[in-house]
Amino acid sequence: MKVKIWHNPRCTKSRQALALLEEKGIDTEIYLYMKEPPSKAAIKDVLKSLGITAHELARTKEDAFKEQNLAEATEEALIDAMTKEPKLIERPIVISTKGAVIGRPTENVLEVI
């Protein structure tokens, strides 16, 4: 099995999720989304896999979320904001053939491996 993780090395939960995947011997593709922001299409694909809305994927406590008044934004506007400021995306996201999860708590990762 191979999985993909949307990983931010500066995030404790993201590091914990990656460590869990490595501990389980899972072949993991690491996507550093903070360095190479995802496209609108990639975000929409992840949302579909997760079965959630952009508002559920957003990090609502980020200053950028508050400064841009994104609580009232449309899905499209929020997705646009996420492509420009990927720190707005909740992390980590782990994607496999079994589905996708947000690795908060880290144990959620076990659902897709």
PDB file of N, CA and C in Angstrom:
ATOM      1  N   MET A   1       0.845  -1.185   0.000  1.00  0.00           N
ATOM      2  CA  MET A   1       0.000   0.000   0.000  1.00  0.00           C
ATOM      3  C   MET A   1       0.884   1.238   0.000  1.00  0.00           C
ATOM      4  N   LYS A   2       0.448   2.225  -0.750  1.00  0.00           N
ATOM      5  CA  LYS A   2       1.140   3.507  -0.759  1.00  0.00           C
ATOM      6  C   LYS A   2       0.144   4.578  -0.354  1.00  0.00           C
ATOM      7  N   VAL A   3       0.587   5.497   0.484  1.00  0.00           N
ATOM      8  CA  VAL A   3      -0.262   6.608   0.898  1.00  0.00           C
ATOM      9  C   VAL A   3       0.438   7.907   0.575  1.00  0.00           C
ATOM     10  N   LYS A   4      -0.354   8.960   0.574  1.00  0.00           N
ATOM     11  CA  LYS A   4       0.184  10.305   0.378  1.00  0.00           C
ATOM     12  C   LYS A   4      -0.175  11.118   1.615  1.00  0.00           C
ATOM     13  N   ILE A   5       0.782  11.877   2.099  1.00  0.00           N
ATOM     14  CA  ILE A   5       0.523  12.745   3.244  1.00  0.00           C
ATOM     15  C   ILE A   5       0.786  14.186   2.844  1.00  0.00           C
ATOM     16  N   TRP A   6      -0.188  15.034   3.116  1.00  0.00           N
ATOM     17  CA  TRP A   6       0.010  16.474   2.983  1.00  0.00           C
ATOM     18  C   TRP A   6       0.670  16.873   4.287  1.00  0.00           C
ATOM     19  N   HIS A   7       1.950  17.134   4.208  1.00  0.00           N
ATOM     20  CA  HIS A   7       2.798  17.237   5.395  1.00  0.00           C
ATOM     21  C   HIS A   7       3.379  18.635   5.573  1.00  0.00           C
ATOM     22  N   ASN A   8       3.362  19.076   6.826  1.00  0.00           N
ATOM     23  CA  ASN A   8       4.046  20.310   7.217  1.00  0.00           C
ATOM     24  C   ASN A   8       5.031  19.908   8.308  1.00  0.00           C
ATOM     25  N   PRO A   9       6.332  19.858   8.002  1.00  0.00           N
ATOM     26  CA  PRO A   9       7.325  19.403   8.979  1.00  0.00           C
ATOM     27  C   PRO A   9       7.363  20.246  10.258  1.00  0.00           C
ATOM     28  N   ARG A  10       6.824  21.441  10.229  1.00  0.00           N
ATOM     29  CA  ARG A  10       6.822  22.302  11.417  1.00  0.00           C
ATOM     30  C   ARG A  10       5.674  21.965  12.370  1.00  0.00           C
ATOM     31  N   CYS A  11       4.759  21.108  11.935  1.00  0.00           N
ATOM     32  CA  CYS A  11       3.567  20.764  12.717  1.00  0.00           C
ATOM     33  C   CYS A  11       3.791  19.456  13.478  1.00  0.00           C
ATOM     34  N   THR A  12       3.574  19.497  14.775  1.00  0.00           N
ATOM     35  CA  THR A  12       3.751  18.311  15.617  1.00  0.00           C
ATOM     36  C   THR A  12       2.856  17.165  15.163  1.00  0.00           C
ATOM     37  N   LYS A  13       1.583  17.431  14.927  1.00  0.00           N
ATOM     38  CA  LYS A  13       0.652  16.371  14.512  1.00  0.00           C
ATOM     39  C   LYS A  13       1.047  15.776  13.170  1.00  0.00           C
ATOM     40  N   SER A  14       1.549  16.611  12.288  1.00  0.00           N
ATOM     41  CA  SER A  14       1.978  16.130  10.988  1.00  0.00           C
ATOM     42  C   SER A  14       3.206  15.223  11.138  1.00  0.00           C
ATOM     43  N   ARG A  15       4.131  15.625  11.978  1.00  0.00           N
ATOM     44  CA  ARG A  15       5.312  14.782  12.230  1.00  0.00           C
ATOM     45  C   ARG A  15       4.906  13.465  12.879  1.00  0.00           C
ATOM     46  N   GLN A  16       3.942  13.523  13.792  1.00  0.00           N
ATOM     47  CA  GLN A  16       3.473  12.301  14.452  1.00  0.00           C
ATOM     48  C   GLN A  16       2.802  11.355  13.454  1.00  0.00           C
ATOM     49  N   ALA A  17       2.016  11.897  12.552  1.00  0.00           N
ATOM     50  CA  ALA A  17       1.353  11.071  11.540  1.00  0.00           C
ATOM     51  C   ALA A  17       2.376  10.412  10.628  1.00  0.00           C
ATOM     52  N   LEU A  18       3.372  11.165  10.193  1.00  0.00           N
ATOM     53  CA  LEU A  18       4.419  10.608   9.344  1.00  0.00           C
ATOM     54  C   LEU A  18       5.189   9.526  10.094  1.00  0.00           C
ATOM     55  N   ALA A  19       5.486   9.745  11.353  1.00  0.00           N
ATOM     56  CA  ALA A  19       6.195   8.746  12.158  1.00  0.00           C
ATOM     57  C   ALA A  19       5.366   7.468  12.277  1.00  0.00           C
ATOM     58  N   LEU A  20       4.061   7.600  12.446  1.00  0.00           N
ATOM     59  CA  LEU A  20       3.186   6.434  12.532  1.00  0.00           C
ATOM     60  C   LEU A  20       3.218   5.642  11.231  1.00  0.00           C
ATOM     61  N   LEU A  21       3.153   6.345  10.107  1.00  0.00           N
ATOM     62  CA  LEU A  21       3.220   5.668   8.806  1.00  0.00           C
ATOM     63  C   LEU A  21       4.551   4.942   8.644  1.00  0.00           C
ATOM     64  N   GLU A  22       5.631   5.589   9.040  1.00  0.00           N
ATOM     65  CA  GLU A  22       6.952   4.960   8.936  1.00  0.00           C
ATOM     66  C   GLU A  22       7.047   3.755   9.863  1.00  0.00           C
ATOM     67  N   GLU A  23       6.511   3.896  11.072  1.00  0.00           N
ATOM     68  CA  GLU A  23       6.524   2.798  12.048  1.00  0.00           C
ATOM     69  C   GLU A  23       5.787   1.574  11.515  1.00  0.00           C
ATOM     70  N   LYS A  24       4.706   1.815  10.778  1.00  0.00           N
ATOM     71  CA  LYS A  24       3.905   0.725  10.209  1.00  0.00           C
ATOM     72  C   LYS A  24       4.483   0.203   8.899  1.00  0.00           C
ATOM     73  N   GLY A  25       5.578   0.812   8.432  1.00  0.00           N
ATOM     74  CA  GLY A  25       6.221   0.363   7.202  1.00  0.00           C
ATOM     75  C   GLY A  25       5.446   0.715   5.943  1.00  0.00           C
ATOM     76  N   ILE A  26       4.671   1.772   5.998  1.00  0.00           N
ATOM     77  CA  ILE A  26       3.841   2.181   4.867  1.00  0.00           C
ATOM     78  C   ILE A  26       4.665   3.030   3.901  1.00  0.00           C
ATOM     79  N   ASP A  27       4.606   2.678   2.626  1.00  0.00           N
ATOM     80  CA  ASP A  27       5.268   3.457   1.577  1.00  0.00           C
ATOM     81  C   ASP A  27       4.518   4.786   1.469  1.00  0.00           C
ATOM     82  N   THR A  28       5.220   5.876   1.759  1.00  0.00           N
ATOM     83  CA  THR A  28       4.561   7.176   1.878  1.00  0.00           C
ATOM     84  C   THR A  28       5.160   8.214   0.942  1.00  0.00           C
ATOM     85  N   GLU A  29       4.281   8.829   0.173  1.00  0.00           N
ATOM     86  CA  GLU A  29       4.658   9.975  -0.658  1.00  0.00           C
ATOM     87  C   GLU A  29       4.392  11.224   0.171  1.00  0.00           C
ATOM     88  N   ILE A  30       5.401  12.041   0.368  1.00  0.00           N
ATOM     89  CA  ILE A  30       5.275  13.241   1.179  1.00  0.00           C
ATOM     90  C   ILE A  30       5.065  14.445   0.270  1.00  0.00           C
ATOM     91  N   TYR A  31       3.957  15.114   0.470  1.00  0.00           N
ATOM     92  CA  TYR A  31       3.642  16.321  -0.290  1.00  0.00           C
ATOM     93  C   TYR A  31       3.794  17.506   0.660  1.00  0.00           C
ATOM     94  N   LEU A  32       4.799  18.321   0.423  1.00  0.00           N
ATOM     95  CA  LEU A  32       5.063  19.503   1.245  1.00  0.00           C
ATOM     96  C   LEU A  32       4.222  20.666   0.716  1.00  0.00           C
ATOM     97  N   TYR A  33       2.977  20.657   1.090  1.00  0.00           N
ATOM     98  CA  TYR A  33       2.012  21.599   0.529  1.00  0.00           C
ATOM     99  C   TYR A  33       2.291  23.057   0.895  1.00  0.00           C
ATOM    100  N   MET A  34       3.065  23.288   1.938  1.00  0.00           N
ATOM    101  CA  MET A  34       3.401  24.670   2.287  1.00  0.00           C
ATOM    102  C   MET A  34       4.429  25.244   1.296  1.00  0.00           C
ATOM    103  N   LYS A  35       5.270  24.384   0.739  1.00  0.00           N
ATOM    104  CA  LYS A  35       6.269  24.836  -0.239  1.00  0.00           C
ATOM    105  C   LYS A  35       5.691  24.924  -1.640  1.00  0.00           C
ATOM    106  N   GLU A  36       4.797  23.999  -1.949  1.00  0.00           N
ATOM    107  CA  GLU A  36       4.152  23.961  -3.264  1.00  0.00           C
ATOM    108  C   GLU A  36       2.646  23.890  -3.038  1.00  0.00           C
ATOM    109  N   PRO A  37       1.999  25.044  -2.933  1.00  0.00           N
ATOM    110  CA  PRO A  37       0.574  25.060  -2.607  1.00  0.00           C
ATOM    111  C   PRO A  37      -0.264  24.242  -3.586  1.00  0.00           C
ATOM    112  N   PRO A  38      -1.284  23.570  -3.061  1.00  0.00           N
ATOM    113  CA  PRO A  38      -2.135  22.758  -3.929  1.00  0.00           C
ATOM    114  C   PRO A  38      -2.996  23.624  -4.836  1.00  0.00           C
ATOM    115  N   SER A  39      -3.373  23.049  -5.948  1.00  0.00           N
ATOM    116  CA  SER A  39      -4.279  23.728  -6.880  1.00  0.00           C
ATOM    117  C   SER A  39      -5.707  23.641  -6.340  1.00  0.00           C
ATOM    118  N   LYS A  40      -6.580  24.425  -6.941  1.00  0.00           N
ATOM    119  CA  LYS A  40      -7.996  24.352  -6.572  1.00  0.00           C
ATOM    120  C   LYS A  40      -8.525  22.945  -6.803  1.00  0.00           C
ATOM    121  N   ALA A  41      -8.126  22.345  -7.918  1.00  0.00           N
ATOM    122  CA  ALA A  41      -8.598  20.994  -8.235  1.00  0.00           C
ATOM    123  C   ALA A  41      -8.117  19.983  -7.185  1.00  0.00           C
ATOM    124  N   ALA A  42      -6.875  20.119  -6.743  1.00  0.00           N
ATOM    125  CA  ALA A  42      -6.340  19.198  -5.730  1.00  0.00           C
ATOM    126  C   ALA A  42      -7.097  19.348  -4.412  1.00  0.00           C
ATOM    127  N   ILE A  43      -7.388  20.580  -4.032  1.00  0.00           N
ATOM    128  CA  ILE A  43      -8.142  20.804  -2.793  1.00  0.00           C
ATOM    129  C   ILE A  43      -9.544  20.217  -2.925  1.00  0.00           C
ATOM    130  N   LYS A  44     -10.181  20.422  -4.060  1.00  0.00           N
ATOM    131  CA  LYS A  44     -11.525  19.874  -4.262  1.00  0.00           C
ATOM    132  C   LYS A  44     -11.500  18.347  -4.223  1.00  0.00           C
ATOM    133  N   ASP A  45     -10.471  17.734  -4.795  1.00  0.00           N
ATOM    134  CA  ASP A  45     -10.344  16.275  -4.751  1.00  0.00           C
ATOM    135  C   ASP A  45     -10.194  15.787  -3.316  1.00  0.00           C
ATOM    136  N   VAL A  46      -9.378  16.487  -2.534  1.00  0.00           N
ATOM    137  CA  VAL A  46      -9.179  16.111  -1.134  1.00  0.00           C
ATOM    138  C   VAL A  46     -10.478  16.276  -0.353  1.00  0.00           C
ATOM    139  N   LEU A  47     -11.175  17.369  -0.585  1.00  0.00           N
ATOM    140  CA  LEU A  47     -12.454  17.585   0.092  1.00  0.00           C
ATOM    141  C   LEU A  47     -13.423  16.455  -0.217  1.00  0.00           C
ATOM    142  N   LYS A  48     -13.461  16.053  -1.469  1.00  0.00           N
ATOM    143  CA  LYS A  48     -14.356  14.961  -1.874  1.00  0.00           C
ATOM    144  C   LYS A  48     -13.948  13.661  -1.175  1.00  0.00           C
ATOM    145  N   SER A  49     -12.642  13.373  -1.146  1.00  0.00           N
ATOM    146  CA  SER A  49     -12.153  12.160  -0.486  1.00  0.00           C
ATOM    147  C   SER A  49     -12.439  12.169   1.007  1.00  0.00           C
ATOM    148  N   LEU A  50     -12.301  13.344   1.617  1.00  0.00           N
ATOM    149  CA  LEU A  50     -12.561  13.477   3.047  1.00  0.00           C
ATOM    150  C   LEU A  50     -14.058  13.492   3.356  1.00  0.00           C
ATOM    151  N   GLY A  51     -14.858  13.892   2.378  1.00  0.00           N
ATOM    152  CA  GLY A  51     -16.300  13.997   2.584  1.00  0.00           C
ATOM    153  C   GLY A  51     -16.682  15.176   3.459  1.00  0.00           C
ATOM    154  N   ILE A  52     -15.913  16.284   3.313  1.00  0.00           N
ATOM    155  CA  ILE A  52     -16.176  17.477   4.121  1.00  0.00           C
ATOM    156  C   ILE A  52     -16.183  18.720   3.228  1.00  0.00           C
ATOM    157  N   THR A  53     -16.533  19.835   3.830  1.00  0.00           N
ATOM    158  CA  THR A  53     -16.538  21.115   3.119  1.00  0.00           C
ATOM    159  C   THR A  53     -15.212  21.843   3.360  1.00  0.00           C
ATOM    160  N   ALA A  54     -14.994  22.873   2.579  1.00  0.00           N
ATOM    161  CA  ALA A  54     -13.791  23.693   2.760  1.00  0.00           C
ATOM    162  C   ALA A  54     -13.781  24.335   4.141  1.00  0.00           C
ATOM    163  N   HIS A  55     -14.950  24.685   4.644  1.00  0.00           N
ATOM    164  CA  HIS A  55     -15.021  25.298   5.973  1.00  0.00           C
ATOM    165  C   HIS A  55     -14.601  24.309   7.058  1.00  0.00           C
ATOM    166  N   GLU A  56     -14.857  23.027   6.831  1.00  0.00           N
ATOM    167  CA  GLU A  56     -14.447  22.005   7.793  1.00  0.00           C
ATOM    168  C   GLU A  56     -12.952  21.709   7.696  1.00  0.00           C
ATOM    169  N   LEU A  57     -12.353  22.009   6.559  1.00  0.00           N
ATOM    170  CA  LEU A  57     -10.921  21.784   6.355  1.00  0.00           C
ATOM    171  C   LEU A  57     -10.079  22.981   6.790  1.00  0.00           C
ATOM    172  N   ALA A  58     -10.725  24.112   6.966  1.00  0.00           N
ATOM    173  CA  ALA A  58      -9.998  25.350   7.268  1.00  0.00           C
ATOM    174  C   ALA A  58      -9.518  25.412   8.710  1.00  0.00           C
ATOM    175  N   ARG A  59      -8.350  25.996   8.866  1.00  0.00           N
ATOM    176  CA  ARG A  59      -7.803  26.284  10.194  1.00  0.00           C
ATOM    177  C   ARG A  59      -8.353  27.654  10.601  1.00  0.00           C
ATOM    178  N   THR A  60      -9.452  27.630  11.303  1.00  0.00           N
ATOM    179  CA  THR A  60     -10.191  28.850  11.599  1.00  0.00           C
ATOM    180  C   THR A  60      -9.514  29.756  12.628  1.00  0.00           C
ATOM    181  N   LYS A  61      -8.515  29.240  13.315  1.00  0.00           N
ATOM    182  CA  LYS A  61      -7.823  30.065  14.310  1.00  0.00           C
ATOM    183  C   LYS A  61      -6.624  30.815  13.724  1.00  0.00           C
ATOM    184  N   GLU A  62      -6.313  30.553  12.466  1.00  0.00           N
ATOM    185  CA  GLU A  62      -5.215  31.261  11.800  1.00  0.00           C
ATOM    186  C   GLU A  62      -5.582  32.737  11.643  1.00  0.00           C
ATOM    187  N   ASP A  63      -4.601  33.589  11.830  1.00  0.00           N
ATOM    188  CA  ASP A  63      -4.828  35.025  11.660  1.00  0.00           C
ATOM    189  C   ASP A  63      -5.379  35.340  10.273  1.00  0.00           C
ATOM    190  N   ALA A  64      -4.829  34.676   9.252  1.00  0.00           N
ATOM    191  CA  ALA A  64      -5.268  34.933   7.876  1.00  0.00           C
ATOM    192  C   ALA A  64      -6.756  34.633   7.706  1.00  0.00           C
ATOM    193  N   PHE A  65      -7.252  33.613   8.400  1.00  0.00           N
ATOM    194  CA  PHE A  65      -8.675  33.267   8.313  1.00  0.00           C
ATOM    195  C   PHE A  65      -9.520  34.413   8.863  1.00  0.00           C
ATOM    196  N   LYS A  66      -9.103  34.929   9.986  1.00  0.00           N
ATOM    197  CA  LYS A  66      -9.849  36.018  10.629  1.00  0.00           C
ATOM    198  C   LYS A  66      -9.705  37.327   9.853  1.00  0.00           C
ATOM    199  N   GLU A  67      -8.477  37.634   9.431  1.00  0.00           N
ATOM    200  CA  GLU A  67      -8.211  38.896   8.735  1.00  0.00           C
ATOM    201  C   GLU A  67      -8.971  39.001   7.422  1.00  0.00           C
ATOM    202  N   GLN A  68      -9.163  37.868   6.760  1.00  0.00           N
ATOM    203  CA  GLN A  68      -9.859  37.861   5.474  1.00  0.00           C
ATOM    204  C   GLN A  68     -11.359  37.593   5.608  1.00  0.00           C
ATOM    205  N   ASN A  69     -11.839  37.541   6.843  1.00  0.00           N
ATOM    206  CA  ASN A  69     -13.260  37.281   7.104  1.00  0.00           C
ATOM    207  C   ASN A  69     -13.769  36.044   6.371  1.00  0.00           C
ATOM    208  N   LEU A  70     -13.000  34.961   6.455  1.00  0.00           N
ATOM    209  CA  LEU A  70     -13.330  33.764   5.697  1.00  0.00           C
ATOM    210  C   LEU A  70     -14.447  32.925   6.311  1.00  0.00           C
ATOM    211  N   ALA A  71     -14.860  33.245   7.515  1.00  0.00           N
ATOM    212  CA  ALA A  71     -15.969  32.506   8.131  1.00  0.00           C
ATOM    213  C   ALA A  71     -17.241  32.633   7.292  1.00  0.00           C
ATOM    214  N   GLU A  72     -17.393  33.750   6.624  1.00  0.00           N
ATOM    215  CA  GLU A  72     -18.581  33.994   5.803  1.00  0.00           C
ATOM    216  C   GLU A  72     -18.330  33.753   4.315  1.00  0.00           C
ATOM    217  N   ALA A  73     -17.134  33.285   3.961  1.00  0.00           N
ATOM    218  CA  ALA A  73     -16.761  33.097   2.558  1.00  0.00           C
ATOM    219  C   ALA A  73     -17.510  31.927   1.930  1.00  0.00           C
ATOM    220  N   THR A  74     -17.692  32.006   0.636  1.00  0.00           N
ATOM    221  CA  THR A  74     -18.250  30.870  -0.109  1.00  0.00           C
ATOM    222  C   THR A  74     -17.195  29.769  -0.157  1.00  0.00           C
ATOM    223  N   GLU A  75     -17.628  28.581  -0.533  1.00  0.00           N
ATOM    224  CA  GLU A  75     -16.682  27.465  -0.681  1.00  0.00           C
ATOM    225  C   GLU A  75     -15.575  27.845  -1.675  1.00  0.00           C
ATOM    226  N   GLU A  76     -15.971  28.400  -2.809  1.00  0.00           N
ATOM    227  CA  GLU A  76     -14.992  28.759  -3.840  1.00  0.00           C
ATOM    228  C   GLU A  76     -13.995  29.794  -3.322  1.00  0.00           C
ATOM    229  N   ALA A  77     -14.490  30.795  -2.625  1.00  0.00           N
ATOM    230  CA  ALA A  77     -13.601  31.837  -2.092  1.00  0.00           C
ATOM    231  C   ALA A  77     -12.647  31.265  -1.061  1.00  0.00           C
ATOM    232  N   LEU A  78     -13.125  30.348  -0.242  1.00  0.00           N
ATOM    233  CA  LEU A  78     -12.258  29.735   0.767  1.00  0.00           C
ATOM    234  C   LEU A  78     -11.211  28.837   0.109  1.00  0.00           C
ATOM    235  N   ILE A  79     -11.606  28.094  -0.891  1.00  0.00           N
ATOM    236  CA  ILE A  79     -10.646  27.256  -1.623  1.00  0.00           C
ATOM    237  C   ILE A  79      -9.600  28.139  -2.298  1.00  0.00           C
ATOM    238  N   ASP A  80     -10.018  29.242  -2.884  1.00  0.00           N
ATOM    239  CA  ASP A  80      -9.068  30.190  -3.482  1.00  0.00           C
ATOM    240  C   ASP A  80      -8.073  30.681  -2.432  1.00  0.00           C
ATOM    241  N   ALA A  81      -8.582  31.028  -1.251  1.00  0.00           N
ATOM    242  CA  ALA A  81      -7.708  31.503  -0.173  1.00  0.00           C
ATOM    243  C   ALA A  81      -6.717  30.417   0.236  1.00  0.00           C
ATOM    244  N   MET A  82      -7.161  29.163   0.254  1.00  0.00           N
ATOM    245  CA  MET A  82      -6.278  28.050   0.630  1.00  0.00           C
ATOM    246  C   MET A  82      -5.149  27.853  -0.379  1.00  0.00           C
ATOM    247  N   THR A  83      -5.430  28.124  -1.657  1.00  0.00           N
ATOM    248  CA  THR A  83      -4.376  27.978  -2.658  1.00  0.00           C
ATOM    249  C   THR A  83      -3.322  29.068  -2.508  1.00  0.00           C
ATOM    250  N   LYS A  84      -3.758  30.225  -2.034  1.00  0.00           N
ATOM    251  CA  LYS A  84      -2.835  31.345  -1.852  1.00  0.00           C
ATOM    252  C   LYS A  84      -2.122  31.288  -0.507  1.00  0.00           C
ATOM    253  N   GLU A  85      -2.805  30.758   0.504  1.00  0.00           N
ATOM    254  CA  GLU A  85      -2.236  30.656   1.852  1.00  0.00           C
ATOM    255  C   GLU A  85      -2.505  29.253   2.389  1.00  0.00           C
ATOM    256  N   PRO A  86      -1.653  28.294   2.010  1.00  0.00           N
ATOM    257  CA  PRO A  86      -1.906  26.903   2.401  1.00  0.00           C
ATOM    258  C   PRO A  86      -1.893  26.657   3.909  1.00  0.00           C
ATOM    259  N   LYS A  87      -1.400  27.622   4.686  1.00  0.00           N
ATOM    260  CA  LYS A  87      -1.445  27.447   6.145  1.00  0.00           C
ATOM    261  C   LYS A  87      -2.894  27.411   6.640  1.00  0.00           C
ATOM    262  N   LEU A  88      -3.838  27.789   5.791  1.00  0.00           N
ATOM    263  CA  LEU A  88      -5.251  27.726   6.141  1.00  0.00           C
ATOM    264  C   LEU A  88      -5.798  26.300   6.109  1.00  0.00           C
ATOM    265  N   ILE A  89      -5.030  25.366   5.554  1.00  0.00           N
ATOM    266  CA  ILE A  89      -5.483  23.984   5.406  1.00  0.00           C
ATOM    267  C   ILE A  89      -5.118  23.185   6.660  1.00  0.00           C
ATOM    268  N   GLU A  90      -6.121  22.503   7.209  1.00  0.00           N
ATOM    269  CA  GLU A  90      -5.889  21.643   8.362  1.00  0.00           C
ATOM    270  C   GLU A  90      -4.920  20.534   7.964  1.00  0.00           C
ATOM    271  N   ARG A  91      -4.121  20.114   8.895  1.00  0.00           N
ATOM    272  CA  ARG A  91      -3.100  19.113   8.607  1.00  0.00           C
ATOM    273  C   ARG A  91      -2.952  18.146   9.762  1.00  0.00           C
ATOM    274  N   PRO A  92      -2.335  17.037   9.477  1.00  0.00           N
ATOM    275  CA  PRO A  92      -1.963  16.484   8.175  1.00  0.00           C
ATOM    276  C   PRO A  92      -3.158  15.797   7.518  1.00  0.00           C
ATOM    277  N   ILE A  93      -3.080  15.635   6.221  1.00  0.00           N
ATOM    278  CA  ILE A  93      -4.084  14.882   5.479  1.00  0.00           C
ATOM    279  C   ILE A  93      -3.377  13.642   4.941  1.00  0.00           C
ATOM    280  N   VAL A  94      -3.957  12.493   5.198  1.00  0.00           N
ATOM    281  CA  VAL A  94      -3.395  11.231   4.712  1.00  0.00           C
ATOM    282  C   VAL A  94      -4.418  10.610   3.763  1.00  0.00           C
ATOM    283  N   ILE A  95      -3.928  10.258   2.574  1.00  0.00           N
ATOM    284  CA  ILE A  95      -4.789   9.746   1.508  1.00  0.00           C
ATOM    285  C   ILE A  95      -4.283   8.381   1.070  1.00  0.00           C
ATOM    286  N   SER A  96      -5.192   7.412   1.000  1.00  0.00           N
ATOM    287  CA  SER A  96      -4.837   6.079   0.508  1.00  0.00           C
ATOM    288  C   SER A  96      -5.976   5.566  -0.360  1.00  0.00           C
ATOM    289  N   THR A  97      -5.834   4.353  -0.840  1.00  0.00           N
ATOM    290  CA  THR A  97      -6.909   3.749  -1.626  1.00  0.00           C
ATOM    291  C   THR A  97      -8.135   3.478  -0.758  1.00  0.00           C
ATOM    292  N   LYS A  98      -7.967   3.479   0.567  1.00  0.00           N
ATOM    293  CA  LYS A  98      -9.086   3.256   1.483  1.00  0.00           C
ATOM    294  C   LYS A  98      -9.829   4.547   1.822  1.00  0.00           C
ATOM    295  N   GLY A  99      -9.314   5.690   1.382  1.00  0.00           N
ATOM    296  CA  GLY A  99      -9.953   6.964   1.684  1.00  0.00           C
ATOM    297  C   GLY A  99      -8.948   7.992   2.157  1.00  0.00           C
ATOM    298  N   ALA A 100      -9.461   8.997   2.813  1.00  0.00           N
ATOM    299  CA  ALA A 100      -8.619  10.088   3.309  1.00  0.00           C
ATOM    300  C   ALA A 100      -9.085  10.484   4.697  1.00  0.00           C
ATOM    301  N   VAL A 101      -8.133  10.947   5.511  1.00  0.00           N
ATOM    302  CA  VAL A 101      -8.447  11.437   6.852  1.00  0.00           C
ATOM    303  C   VAL A 101      -7.546  12.615   7.183  1.00  0.00           C
ATOM    304  N   ILE A 102      -8.037  13.419   8.105  1.00  0.00           N
ATOM    305  CA  ILE A 102      -7.196  14.436   8.723  1.00  0.00           C
ATOM    306  C   ILE A 102      -6.598  13.764   9.953  1.00  0.00           C
ATOM    307  N   GLY A 103      -5.294  13.816  10.085  1.00  0.00           N
ATOM    308  CA  GLY A 103      -4.598  13.118  11.162  1.00  0.00           C
ATOM    309  C   GLY A 103      -4.642  13.834  12.493  1.00  0.00           C
ATOM    310  N   ARG A 104      -5.804  14.269  12.897  1.00  0.00           N
ATOM    311  CA  ARG A 104      -6.036  14.895  14.208  1.00  0.00           C
ATOM    312  C   ARG A 104      -7.266  14.229  14.808  1.00  0.00           C
ATOM    313  N   PRO A 105      -7.106  13.391  15.760  1.00  0.00           N
ATOM    314  CA  PRO A 105      -5.873  12.929  16.371  1.00  0.00           C
ATOM    315  C   PRO A 105      -5.108  11.987  15.441  1.00  0.00           C
ATOM    316  N   THR A 106      -3.869  11.757  15.781  1.00  0.00           N
ATOM    317  CA  THR A 106      -2.978  10.947  14.944  1.00  0.00           C
ATOM    318  C   THR A 106      -3.568   9.572  14.649  1.00  0.00           C
ATOM    319  N   GLU A 107      -4.292   9.014  15.590  1.00  0.00           N
ATOM    320  CA  GLU A 107      -4.878   7.675  15.417  1.00  0.00           C
ATOM    321  C   GLU A 107      -5.828   7.604  14.232  1.00  0.00           C
ATOM    322  N   ASN A 108      -6.341   8.726  13.782  1.00  0.00           N
ATOM    323  CA  ASN A 108      -7.224   8.726  12.601  1.00  0.00           C
ATOM    324  C   ASN A 108      -6.534   8.106  11.401  1.00  0.00           C
ATOM    325  N   VAL A 109      -5.217   8.235  11.341  1.00  0.00           N
ATOM    326  CA  VAL A 109      -4.445   7.700  10.209  1.00  0.00           C
ATOM    327  C   VAL A 109      -4.648   6.197  10.069  1.00  0.00           C
ATOM    328  N   LEU A 110      -4.848   5.518  11.166  1.00  0.00           N
ATOM    329  CA  LEU A 110      -5.025   4.059  11.153  1.00  0.00           C
ATOM    330  C   LEU A 110      -6.254   3.652  10.328  1.00  0.00           C
ATOM    331  N   GLU A 111      -7.212   4.529  10.170  1.00  0.00           N
ATOM    332  CA  GLU A 111      -8.427   4.224   9.404  1.00  0.00           C
ATOM    333  C   GLU A 111      -8.164   4.003   7.926  1.00  0.00           C
ATOM    334  N   VAL A 112      -7.077   4.558   7.405  1.00  0.00           N
ATOM    335  CA  VAL A 112      -6.841   4.474   5.949  1.00  0.00           C
ATOM    336  C   VAL A 112      -5.599   3.673   5.574  1.00  0.00           C
ATOM    337  N   ILE A 113      -5.012   2.998   6.558  1.00  0.00           N
ATOM    338  CA  ILE A 113      -3.846   2.157   6.221  1.00  0.00           C
ATOM    339  C   ILE A 113      -4.129   0.696   6.495  1.00  0.00           C
TER     340      ILE A 113
END
